[in-house]
């Protein structure tokens, strides 16, 4: 292969990488910024008895005694206009990977997420942050697992 052909191939490969990398990086930055800009943070929320979100919806977990087991999450008093609810669990200053759980409408303002799982921390921490998303609006729920 001659020099001009090698340069041409390198330029094409560079352009392909650029075309793929730039939107990917922009998407990651945008996603991260939307995840950290919560409308409200519910600190020291007792998720077993229920936490009231701004607007009146109540979120309640039914975690088992062993936090490594799946559990259900319910929301009551959800406005009829809501189309999508999900929750993602993390810890402060620690990424625990992707673990989003979607809620399903049950009718009459009740939504349920079945078989949610808390990520396991190798440092044996039990302080969690639930990043709750209701139709694109984010709420942080700070809680301690049993």
Protein backbone atom coordinates (compact mmCIF):
# COMPACT_ATOMS: atom_id res chain seq x y z
CA UNK A 1 0.00 0.00 0.00
CA UNK A 2 1.41 3.40 -0.90
CA UNK A 3 1.67 6.41 1.47
CA UNK A 4 -1.37 8.36 0.20
CA UNK A 5 -3.57 5.27 0.53
CA UNK A 6 -2.35 4.66 4.12
CA UNK A 7 -3.05 8.28 5.06
CA UNK A 8 -6.47 8.09 3.48
CA UNK A 9 -7.34 4.92 5.41
CA UNK A 10 -6.10 6.46 8.68
CA UNK A 11 -8.21 9.57 8.10
CA UNK A 12 -11.33 7.49 7.41
CA UNK A 13 -10.78 5.38 10.53
CA UNK A 14 -10.20 8.54 12.59
CA UNK A 15 -13.44 10.07 11.28
CA UNK A 16 -15.41 6.92 12.07
CA UNK A 17 -14.06 6.87 15.63
CA UNK A 18 -14.83 10.59 16.00
CA UNK A 19 -18.38 10.16 14.67
CA UNK A 20 -19.04 7.34 17.14
CA UNK A 21 -17.17 8.74 20.17
CA UNK A 22 -18.50 12.30 20.25
CA UNK A 23 -22.23 11.44 20.48
CA UNK A 24 -21.44 8.67 22.95
CA UNK A 25 -19.51 11.03 25.24
CA UNK A 26 -22.19 13.72 24.96
CA UNK A 27 -24.87 11.12 25.81
CA UNK A 28 -22.96 9.89 28.86
CA UNK A 29 -22.41 13.43 30.14
CA UNK A 30 -26.06 14.33 29.59
CA UNK A 31 -27.26 11.13 31.33
CA UNK A 32 -24.95 11.73 34.29
CA UNK A 33 -26.07 15.34 34.68
CA UNK A 34 -29.74 14.39 34.68
CA UNK A 35 -29.11 11.68 37.28
CA UNK A 36 -27.46 14.02 39.77
CA UNK A 37 -29.82 16.99 39.46
CA UNK A 38 -32.59 15.71 41.68
CA UNK A 39 -35.64 17.88 42.30
CA UNK A 40 -35.67 16.77 45.92
CA UNK A 41 -33.64 14.64 48.31
CA UNK A 42 -35.45 12.67 50.99
CA UNK A 43 -32.81 12.17 53.68
CA UNK A 44 -32.96 9.35 56.21
CA UNK A 45 -36.11 8.04 54.64
CA UNK A 46 -37.75 5.10 56.40
CA UNK A 47 -38.55 3.09 53.30
CA UNK A 48 -40.31 0.37 55.33
CA UNK A 49 -43.05 2.70 56.60
CA UNK A 50 -43.09 4.92 53.51
CA UNK A 51 -41.67 8.24 52.38
CA UNK A 52 -43.75 11.08 51.00
CA UNK A 53 -42.47 12.65 47.78
CA UNK A 54 -43.16 16.24 46.80
CA UNK A 55 -46.65 16.16 45.32
CA UNK A 56 -47.91 13.56 47.81
CA UNK A 57 -46.95 10.20 46.30
CA UNK A 58 -45.72 7.66 48.87
CA UNK A 59 -42.94 5.14 48.18
CA UNK A 60 -42.54 2.07 50.38
CA UNK A 61 -40.15 -0.90 50.21
CA UNK A 62 -40.86 -4.41 51.46
CA UNK A 63 -37.25 -5.58 51.85
CA UNK A 64 -36.54 -8.96 53.41
CA UNK A 65 -34.23 -9.32 56.43
CA UNK A 66 -31.44 -10.37 54.03
CA UNK A 67 -30.65 -7.43 51.72
CA UNK A 68 -29.21 -9.76 49.09
CA UNK A 69 -32.73 -11.05 48.30
CA UNK A 70 -35.19 -9.46 45.84
CA UNK A 71 -37.96 -7.26 47.25
CA UNK A 72 -40.95 -5.27 46.04
CA UNK A 73 -41.39 -1.51 46.00
CA UNK A 74 -44.79 0.17 45.89
CA UNK A 75 -45.90 3.72 45.26
CA UNK A 76 -49.32 5.01 46.22
CA UNK A 77 -51.12 8.25 45.45
CA UNK A 78 -49.36 8.54 42.09
CA UNK A 79 -51.07 11.10 39.83
CA UNK A 80 -53.04 9.59 36.93
CA UNK A 81 -50.94 11.61 34.46
CA UNK A 82 -47.73 9.67 35.28
CA UNK A 83 -46.56 7.42 32.44
CA UNK A 84 -43.27 5.93 33.70
CA UNK A 85 -41.53 5.29 37.04
CA UNK A 86 -38.17 3.64 37.66
CA UNK A 87 -35.55 3.48 40.40
CA UNK A 88 -31.79 2.99 40.29
CA UNK A 89 -29.74 2.19 43.40
CA UNK A 90 -26.27 3.56 44.16
CA UNK A 91 -24.19 4.58 47.16
CA UNK A 92 -22.62 7.96 47.79
CA UNK A 93 -19.30 8.23 45.97
CA UNK A 94 -19.62 4.67 44.66
CA UNK A 95 -20.95 3.37 41.37
CA UNK A 96 -22.64 0.02 41.73
CA UNK A 97 -23.36 -0.60 38.07
CA UNK A 98 -26.61 -0.49 36.15
CA UNK A 99 -29.54 -1.85 38.15
CA UNK A 100 -32.65 0.06 37.16
CA UNK A 101 -36.00 -1.42 38.14
CA UNK A 102 -39.18 -0.30 36.39
CA UNK A 103 -42.54 0.11 38.11
CA UNK A 104 -45.78 -1.20 36.61
CA UNK A 105 -49.14 0.56 37.09
CA UNK A 106 -51.63 -1.42 39.18
CA UNK A 107 -54.52 1.03 38.90
CA UNK A 108 -56.00 3.70 41.19
CA UNK A 109 -52.68 5.52 41.69
CA UNK A 110 -50.71 2.43 42.74
CA UNK A 111 -47.49 1.39 40.98
CA UNK A 112 -45.31 -1.60 41.90
CA UNK A 113 -41.75 -2.65 41.11
CA UNK A 114 -41.38 -6.38 41.60
CA UNK A 115 -38.20 -8.19 42.59
CA UNK A 116 -35.90 -5.17 42.93
CA UNK A 117 -32.40 -6.00 44.12
CA UNK A 118 -30.00 -3.83 46.08
CA UNK A 119 -26.46 -3.99 44.73
CA UNK A 120 -23.97 -5.66 47.06
CA UNK A 121 -21.13 -3.51 48.36
CA UNK A 122 -17.80 -5.24 49.01
CA UNK A 123 -17.11 -2.68 51.78
CA UNK A 124 -20.19 -4.01 53.63
CA UNK A 125 -21.86 -0.59 53.63
CA UNK A 126 -25.62 -0.40 53.91
CA UNK A 127 -26.26 3.28 53.14
CA UNK A 128 -28.02 3.54 49.81
CA UNK A 129 -29.31 6.20 47.47
CA UNK A 130 -32.38 5.43 45.40
CA UNK A 131 -32.51 7.56 42.26
CA UNK A 132 -36.26 7.58 41.62
CA UNK A 133 -37.40 8.81 38.21
CA UNK A 134 -41.04 9.80 37.70
CA UNK A 135 -41.70 10.86 34.10
CA UNK A 136 -38.16 12.22 33.76
CA UNK A 137 -38.13 14.02 37.14
CA UNK A 138 -35.50 12.75 39.57
CA UNK A 139 -35.77 12.35 43.33
CA UNK A 140 -33.02 11.04 45.59
CA UNK A 141 -34.05 8.78 48.44
CA UNK A 142 -31.38 8.31 51.10
CA UNK A 143 -31.94 5.19 53.18
CA UNK A 144 -30.23 2.48 55.19
CA UNK A 145 -30.91 -1.16 54.47
CA UNK A 146 -31.43 -3.52 57.41
